[in-house]
Structure formats: C-alpha cells, structure tokens
Amino acid sequence: SLINDDASLAYLDIEEDYAIRDLLYALVLPSGA
C-alpha cells in the first residue's frame, strides 16, 4: 500500500520487529512512512 501511494520509506524489513526507539529514528531521519 505504501509503495502504491509512492510514500517516502525507511525501507524497513517486512514483518521484522523493530524497537520503538529505532522506529522513531526511521520515522524522522528518512521520513519513513
């Protein structure tokens, strides 16, 4: 869905567990949807 919407991504691995801390970095540094 994000690819189809041409969203900005951090390119996280699908179904990989990430710490909330790491998700916050991925959210703001590369603007990861």
All heavy atoms as atom14 arrays in JSON, in Angstrom:
{
  "sequence": "SLINDDASLAYLDIEEDYAIRDLLYALVLPSGA",
  "atom14_mask": [
    [1, 1, 1, 1, 1, 1, 0, 0, 0, 0, 0, 0, 0, 0],
    [1, 1, 1, 1, 1, 1, 1, 1, 0, 0, 0, 0, 0, 0],
    [1, 1, 1, 1, 1, 1, 1, 1, 0, 0, 0, 0, 0, 0],
    [1, 1, 1, 1, 1, 1, 1, 1, 0, 0, 0, 0, 0, 0],
    [1, 1, 1, 1, 1, 1, 1, 1, 0, 0, 0, 0, 0, 0],
    [1, 1, 1, 1, 1, 1, 1, 1, 0, 0, 0, 0, 0, 0],
    [1, 1, 1, 1, 1, 0, 0, 0, 0, 0, 0, 0, 0, 0],
    [1, 1, 1, 1, 1, 1, 0, 0, 0, 0, 0, 0, 0, 0],
    [1, 1, 1, 1, 1, 1, 1, 1, 0, 0, 0, 0, 0, 0],
    [1, 1, 1, 1, 1, 0, 0, 0, 0, 0, 0, 0, 0, 0],
    [1, 1, 1, 1, 1, 1, 1, 1, 1, 1, 1, 1, 0, 0],
    [1, 1, 1, 1, 1, 1, 1, 1, 0, 0, 0, 0, 0, 0],
    [1, 1, 1, 1, 1, 1, 1, 1, 0, 0, 0, 0, 0, 0],
    [1, 1, 1, 1, 1, 1, 1, 1, 0, 0, 0, 0, 0, 0],
    [1, 1, 1, 1, 1, 1, 1, 1, 1, 0, 0, 0, 0, 0],
    [1, 1, 1, 1, 1, 1, 1, 1, 1, 0, 0, 0, 0, 0],
    [1, 1, 1, 1, 1, 1, 1, 1, 0, 0, 0, 0, 0, 0],
    [1, 1, 1, 1, 1, 1, 1, 1, 1, 1, 1, 1, 0, 0],
    [1, 1, 1, 1, 1, 0, 0, 0, 0, 0, 0, 0, 0, 0],
    [1, 1, 1, 1, 1, 1, 1, 1, 0, 0, 0, 0, 0, 0],
    [1, 1, 1, 1, 1, 1, 1, 1, 1, 1, 1, 0, 0, 0],
    [1, 1, 1, 1, 1, 1, 1, 1, 0, 0, 0, 0, 0, 0],
    [1, 1, 1, 1, 1, 1, 1, 1, 0, 0, 0, 0, 0, 0],
    [1, 1, 1, 1, 1, 1, 1, 1, 0, 0, 0, 0, 0, 0],
    [1, 1, 1, 1, 1, 1, 1, 1, 1, 1, 1, 1, 0, 0],
    [1, 1, 1, 1, 1, 0, 0, 0, 0, 0, 0, 0, 0, 0],
    [1, 1, 1, 1, 1, 1, 1, 1, 0, 0, 0, 0, 0, 0],
    [1, 1, 1, 1, 1, 1, 1, 0, 0, 0, 0, 0, 0, 0],
    [1, 1, 1, 1, 1, 1, 1, 1, 0, 0, 0, 0, 0, 0],
    [1, 1, 1, 1, 1, 1, 1, 0, 0, 0, 0, 0, 0, 0],
    [1, 1, 1, 1, 1, 1, 0, 0, 0, 0, 0, 0, 0, 0],
    [1, 1, 1, 1, 0, 0, 0, 0, 0, 0, 0, 0, 0, 0],
    [1, 1, 1, 1, 1, 0, 0, 0, 0, 0, 0, 0, 0, 0]
  ],
  "atom14_positions": [
    [[0.83, -1.2, 0.0], [0.0, 0.0, 0.0], [0.87, 1.26, 0.0], [0.59, 2.22, -0.73], [-0.93, -0.01, 1.22], [-1.68, 1.17, 1.26], [0.0, 0.0, 0.0], [0.0, 0.0, 0.0], [0.0, 0.0, 0.0], [0.0, 0.0, 0.0], [0.0, 0.0, 0.0], [0.0, 0.0, 0.0], [0.0, 0.0, 0.0], [0.0, 0.0, 0.0]],
    [[1.94, 1.27, 0.78], [2.84, 2.42, 0.83], [3.57, 2.61, -0.5], [3.73, 3.74, -0.97], [3.85, 2.27, 1.97], [3.27, 2.35, 3.38], [4.33, 1.98, 4.41], [2.7, 3.73, 3.65], [0.0, 0.0, 0.0], [0.0, 0.0, 0.0], [0.0, 0.0, 0.0], [0.0, 0.0, 0.0], [0.0, 0.0, 0.0], [0.0, 0.0, 0.0]],
    [[3.97, 1.52, -1.11], [4.63, 1.58, -2.43], [3.66, 2.16, -3.45], [4.02, 3.03, -4.25], [5.14, 0.19, -2.87], [6.29, -0.28, -1.97], [5.55, 0.19, -4.33], [7.55, 0.53, -2.09], [0.0, 0.0, 0.0], [0.0, 0.0, 0.0], [0.0, 0.0, 0.0], [0.0, 0.0, 0.0], [0.0, 0.0, 0.0], [0.0, 0.0, 0.0]],
    [[2.42, 1.66, -3.45], [1.41, 2.16, -4.39], [1.11, 3.64, -4.19], [0.77, 4.34, -5.15], [0.13, 1.34, -4.28], [0.29, -0.06, -4.83], [1.19, -0.33, -5.63], [-0.55, -0.97, -4.38], [0.0, 0.0, 0.0], [0.0, 0.0, 0.0], [0.0, 0.0, 0.0], [0.0, 0.0, 0.0], [0.0, 0.0, 0.0], [0.0, 0.0, 0.0]],
    [[1.24, 4.13, -2.95], [0.99, 5.54, -2.64], [2.23, 6.4, -2.86], [2.2, 7.6, -2.62], [0.52, 5.71, -1.2], [-0.9, 5.21, -1.0], [-1.68, 5.19, -1.98], [-1.24, 4.86, 0.14], [0.0, 0.0, 0.0], [0.0, 0.0, 0.0], [0.0, 0.0, 0.0], [0.0, 0.0, 0.0], [0.0, 0.0, 0.0], [0.0, 0.0, 0.0]],
    [[3.33, 5.78, -3.29], [4.6, 6.48, -3.52], [5.08, 7.2, -2.25], [5.56, 8.33, -2.29], [4.46, 7.48, -4.68], [5.81, 7.93, -5.22], [6.79, 7.15, -5.13], [5.9, 9.06, -5.73], [0.0, 0.0, 0.0], [0.0, 0.0, 0.0], [0.0, 0.0, 0.0], [0.0, 0.0, 0.0], [0.0, 0.0, 0.0], [0.0, 0.0, 0.0]],
    [[4.93, 6.5, -1.13], [5.32, 7.07, 0.17], [6.84, 7.06, 0.34], [7.54, 6.21, -0.21], [4.67, 6.26, 1.29], [0.0, 0.0, 0.0], [0.0, 0.0, 0.0], [0.0, 0.0, 0.0], [0.0, 0.0, 0.0], [0.0, 0.0, 0.0], [0.0, 0.0, 0.0], [0.0, 0.0, 0.0], [0.0, 0.0, 0.0], [0.0, 0.0, 0.0]],
    [[7.32, 8.0, 1.1], [8.73, 8.04, 1.49], [8.97, 6.9, 2.49], [8.21, 6.75, 3.44], [9.04, 9.39, 2.14], [10.33, 9.4, 2.65], [0.0, 0.0, 0.0], [0.0, 0.0, 0.0], [0.0, 0.0, 0.0], [0.0, 0.0, 0.0], [0.0, 0.0, 0.0], [0.0, 0.0, 0.0], [0.0, 0.0, 0.0], [0.0, 0.0, 0.0]],
    [[10.01, 6.12, 2.27], [10.25, 4.93, 3.09], [11.62, 4.94, 3.75], [12.57, 5.51, 3.21], [10.13, 3.66, 2.24], [8.79, 3.42, 1.55], [8.88, 2.23, 0.61], [7.7, 3.19, 2.58], [0.0, 0.0, 0.0], [0.0, 0.0, 0.0], [0.0, 0.0, 0.0], [0.0, 0.0, 0.0], [0.0, 0.0, 0.0], [0.0, 0.0, 0.0]],
    [[11.7, 4.25, 4.88], [12.98, 3.98, 5.52], [13.49, 2.61, 5.08], [14.58, 2.21, 5.43], [12.84, 4.02, 7.05], [0.0, 0.0, 0.0], [0.0, 0.0, 0.0], [0.0, 0.0, 0.0], [0.0, 0.0, 0.0], [0.0, 0.0, 0.0], [0.0, 0.0, 0.0], [0.0, 0.0, 0.0], [0.0, 0.0, 0.0], [0.0, 0.0, 0.0]],
    [[12.7, 1.9, 4.32], [13.0, 0.56, 3.8], [13.25, -0.44, 4.91], [14.22, -1.18, 4.91], [14.14, 0.61, 2.78], [13.76, 1.43, 1.58], [14.16, 2.75, 1.45], [12.91, 0.9, 0.61], [13.75, 3.53, 0.36], [12.5, 1.66, -0.48], [12.93, 2.97, -0.59], [12.52, 3.73, -1.66], [0.0, 0.0, 0.0], [0.0, 0.0, 0.0]],
    [[12.3, -0.46, 5.85], [12.33, -1.45, 6.92], [11.97, -2.81, 6.34], [11.24, -2.91, 5.35], [11.33, -1.07, 8.01], [11.55, 0.29, 8.68], [10.41, 0.59, 9.64], [12.89, 0.32, 9.4], [0.0, 0.0, 0.0], [0.0, 0.0, 0.0], [0.0, 0.0, 0.0], [0.0, 0.0, 0.0], [0.0, 0.0, 0.0], [0.0, 0.0, 0.0]],
    [[12.48, -3.86, 6.96], [12.15, -5.21, 6.53], [10.74, -5.58, 6.96], [10.33, -5.31, 8.1], [13.14, -6.22, 7.11], [14.53, -6.09, 6.51], [14.62, -5.72, 5.32], [15.51, -6.34, 7.23], [0.0, 0.0, 0.0], [0.0, 0.0, 0.0], [0.0, 0.0, 0.0], [0.0, 0.0, 0.0], [0.0, 0.0, 0.0], [0.0, 0.0, 0.0]],
    [[10.02, -6.2, 6.06], [8.63, -6.6, 6.31], [8.59, -7.67, 7.39], [9.4, -8.61, 7.4], [8.0, -7.13, 5.0], [7.99, -6.01, 3.96], [6.59, -7.67, 5.25], [7.75, -6.49, 2.55], [0.0, 0.0, 0.0], [0.0, 0.0, 0.0], [0.0, 0.0, 0.0], [0.0, 0.0, 0.0], [0.0, 0.0, 0.0], [0.0, 0.0, 0.0]],
    [[7.63, -7.51, 8.32], [7.39, -8.43, 9.44], [8.59, -8.61, 10.35], [8.66, -9.56, 11.12], [6.85, -9.76, 8.92], [5.51, -9.58, 8.23], [4.84, -10.87, 7.81], [5.26, -11.94, 8.25], [3.88, -10.77, 7.04], [0.0, 0.0, 0.0], [0.0, 0.0, 0.0], [0.0, 0.0, 0.0], [0.0, 0.0, 0.0], [0.0, 0.0, 0.0]],
    [[9.52, -7.68, 10.31], [10.67, -7.66, 11.23], [10.3, -6.8, 12.42], [9.74, -5.71, 12.26], [11.89, -7.07, 10.52], [13.13, -6.96, 11.36], [13.83, -8.29, 11.55], [13.67, -9.18, 10.7], [14.54, -8.42, 12.56], [0.0, 0.0, 0.0], [0.0, 0.0, 0.0], [0.0, 0.0, 0.0], [0.0, 0.0, 0.0], [0.0, 0.0, 0.0]],
    [[10.59, -7.28, 13.63], [10.32, -6.49, 14.83], [11.41, -5.44, 15.01], [12.6, -5.75, 14.98], [10.26, -7.38, 16.07], [8.93, -8.1, 16.19], [7.92, -7.55, 15.74], [8.91, -9.22, 16.74], [0.0, 0.0, 0.0], [0.0, 0.0, 0.0], [0.0, 0.0, 0.0], [0.0, 0.0, 0.0], [0.0, 0.0, 0.0], [0.0, 0.0, 0.0]],
    [[10.96, -4.2, 15.21], [11.86, -3.08, 15.45], [11.51, -2.42, 16.77], [10.32, -2.27, 17.08], [11.74, -2.03, 14.34], [12.31, -2.47, 13.03], [11.5, -3.07, 12.07], [13.66, -2.29, 12.74], [12.02, -3.48, 10.86], [14.19, -2.7, 11.53], [13.37, -3.29, 10.59], [13.89, -3.7, 9.39], [0.0, 0.0, 0.0], [0.0, 0.0, 0.0]],
    [[12.51, -2.02, 17.52], [12.28, -1.28, 18.77], [11.63, 0.07, 18.42], [11.95, 0.67, 17.39], [13.59, -1.06, 19.51], [0.0, 0.0, 0.0], [0.0, 0.0, 0.0], [0.0, 0.0, 0.0], [0.0, 0.0, 0.0], [0.0, 0.0, 0.0], [0.0, 0.0, 0.0], [0.0, 0.0, 0.0], [0.0, 0.0, 0.0], [0.0, 0.0, 0.0]],
    [[10.74, 0.52, 19.29], [10.07, 1.8, 19.09], [11.12, 2.9, 18.9], [10.97, 3.77, 18.03], [9.13, 2.14, 20.27], [8.04, 1.07, 20.42], [8.54, 3.53, 20.12], [7.14, 0.88, 19.23], [0.0, 0.0, 0.0], [0.0, 0.0, 0.0], [0.0, 0.0, 0.0], [0.0, 0.0, 0.0], [0.0, 0.0, 0.0], [0.0, 0.0, 0.0]],
    [[12.19, 2.84, 19.66], [13.28, 3.83, 19.54], [13.8, 3.88, 18.1], [13.96, 4.96, 17.51], [14.41, 3.47, 20.5], [15.66, 4.28, 20.34], [16.78, 3.82, 21.28], [16.45, 4.11, 22.67], [15.98, 3.21, 23.55], [15.82, 1.96, 23.2], [15.72, 3.56, 24.79], [0.0, 0.0, 0.0], [0.0, 0.0, 0.0], [0.0, 0.0, 0.0]],
    [[14.05, 2.72, 17.52], [14.56, 2.65, 16.15], [13.51, 3.13, 15.15], [13.84, 3.75, 14.13], [15.02, 1.23, 15.82], [16.2, 0.8, 16.68], [17.0, 1.67, 17.09], [16.33, -0.42, 16.94], [0.0, 0.0, 0.0], [0.0, 0.0, 0.0], [0.0, 0.0, 0.0], [0.0, 0.0, 0.0], [0.0, 0.0, 0.0], [0.0, 0.0, 0.0]],
    [[12.25, 2.83, 15.43], [11.18, 3.29, 14.55], [11.07, 4.81, 14.56], [10.77, 5.42, 13.52], [9.84, 2.65, 14.94], [9.75, 1.14, 14.69], [8.46, 0.58, 15.29], [9.84, 0.84, 13.21], [0.0, 0.0, 0.0], [0.0, 0.0, 0.0], [0.0, 0.0, 0.0], [0.0, 0.0, 0.0], [0.0, 0.0, 0.0], [0.0, 0.0, 0.0]],
    [[11.33, 5.43, 15.69], [11.29, 6.89, 15.76], [12.4, 7.5, 14.91], [12.18, 8.5, 14.22], [11.37, 7.36, 17.21], [10.15, 7.02, 18.07], [10.39, 7.43, 19.52], [8.89, 7.66, 17.52], [0.0, 0.0, 0.0], [0.0, 0.0, 0.0], [0.0, 0.0, 0.0], [0.0, 0.0, 0.0], [0.0, 0.0, 0.0], [0.0, 0.0, 0.0]],
    [[13.58, 6.91, 14.95], [14.66, 7.38, 14.07], [14.26, 7.2, 12.61], [14.44, 8.09, 11.79], [15.96, 6.62, 14.34], [16.68, 7.06, 15.59], [16.85, 6.18, 16.66], [17.2, 8.35, 15.72], [17.52, 6.57, 17.81], [17.86, 8.75, 16.86], [18.02, 7.86, 17.9], [18.68, 8.25, 19.04], [0.0, 0.0, 0.0], [0.0, 0.0, 0.0]],
    [[13.71, 6.04, 12.28], [13.3, 5.75, 10.9], [12.15, 6.66, 10.47], [12.0, 6.98, 9.29], [12.9, 4.29, 10.76], [0.0, 0.0, 0.0], [0.0, 0.0, 0.0], [0.0, 0.0, 0.0], [0.0, 0.0, 0.0], [0.0, 0.0, 0.0], [0.0, 0.0, 0.0], [0.0, 0.0, 0.0], [0.0, 0.0, 0.0], [0.0, 0.0, 0.0]],
    [[11.35, 7.08, 11.42], [10.23, 7.98, 11.13], [10.7, 9.36, 10.71], [10.19, 9.93, 9.75], [9.34, 8.09, 12.38], [8.12, 8.99, 12.3], [7.05, 8.34, 11.43], [7.58, 9.27, 13.7], [0.0, 0.0, 0.0], [0.0, 0.0, 0.0], [0.0, 0.0, 0.0], [0.0, 0.0, 0.0], [0.0, 0.0, 0.0], [0.0, 0.0, 0.0]],
    [[11.71, 9.91, 11.41], [12.08, 11.3, 11.17], [13.33, 11.49, 10.32], [13.42, 12.49, 9.61], [12.21, 12.1, 12.49], [10.88, 12.21, 13.18], [13.25, 11.52, 13.4], [0.0, 0.0, 0.0], [0.0, 0.0, 0.0], [0.0, 0.0, 0.0], [0.0, 0.0, 0.0], [0.0, 0.0, 0.0], [0.0, 0.0, 0.0], [0.0, 0.0, 0.0]],
    [[14.28, 10.59, 10.37], [15.5, 10.83, 9.59], [15.28, 10.65, 8.1], [15.52, 11.58, 7.33], [16.66, 9.98, 10.13], [17.11, 10.37, 11.54], [18.2, 9.45, 12.05], [17.55, 11.82, 11.6], [0.0, 0.0, 0.0], [0.0, 0.0, 0.0], [0.0, 0.0, 0.0], [0.0, 0.0, 0.0], [0.0, 0.0, 0.0], [0.0, 0.0, 0.0]],
    [[14.81, 9.48, 7.64], [14.48, 9.39, 6.21], [13.01, 9.66, 5.92], [12.54, 9.45, 4.82], [14.83, 7.94, 5.87], [14.56, 7.19, 7.13], [14.88, 8.16, 8.26], [0.0, 0.0, 0.0], [0.0, 0.0, 0.0], [0.0, 0.0, 0.0], [0.0, 0.0, 0.0], [0.0, 0.0, 0.0], [0.0, 0.0, 0.0], [0.0, 0.0, 0.0]],
    [[12.26, 10.1, 6.95], [10.83, 10.38, 6.82], [10.08, 9.12, 6.4], [9.28, 9.14, 5.46], [10.59, 11.52, 5.83], [9.3, 12.02, 5.97], [0.0, 0.0, 0.0], [0.0, 0.0, 0.0], [0.0, 0.0, 0.0], [0.0, 0.0, 0.0], [0.0, 0.0, 0.0], [0.0, 0.0, 0.0], [0.0, 0.0, 0.0], [0.0, 0.0, 0.0]],
    [[10.33, 8.04, 7.11], [9.8, 6.73, 6.73], [8.34, 6.5, 7.08], [7.98, 6.35, 8.25], [0.0, 0.0, 0.0], [0.0, 0.0, 0.0], [0.0, 0.0, 0.0], [0.0, 0.0, 0.0], [0.0, 0.0, 0.0], [0.0, 0.0, 0.0], [0.0, 0.0, 0.0], [0.0, 0.0, 0.0], [0.0, 0.0, 0.0], [0.0, 0.0, 0.0]],
    [[7.51, 6.42, 6.05], [6.09, 6.09, 6.25], [5.94, 4.66, 6.76], [4.99, 4.36, 7.47], [5.32, 6.28, 4.95], [0.0, 0.0, 0.0], [0.0, 0.0, 0.0], [0.0, 0.0, 0.0], [0.0, 0.0, 0.0], [0.0, 0.0, 0.0], [0.0, 0.0, 0.0], [0.0, 0.0, 0.0], [0.0, 0.0, 0.0], [0.0, 0.0, 0.0]]
  ]
}
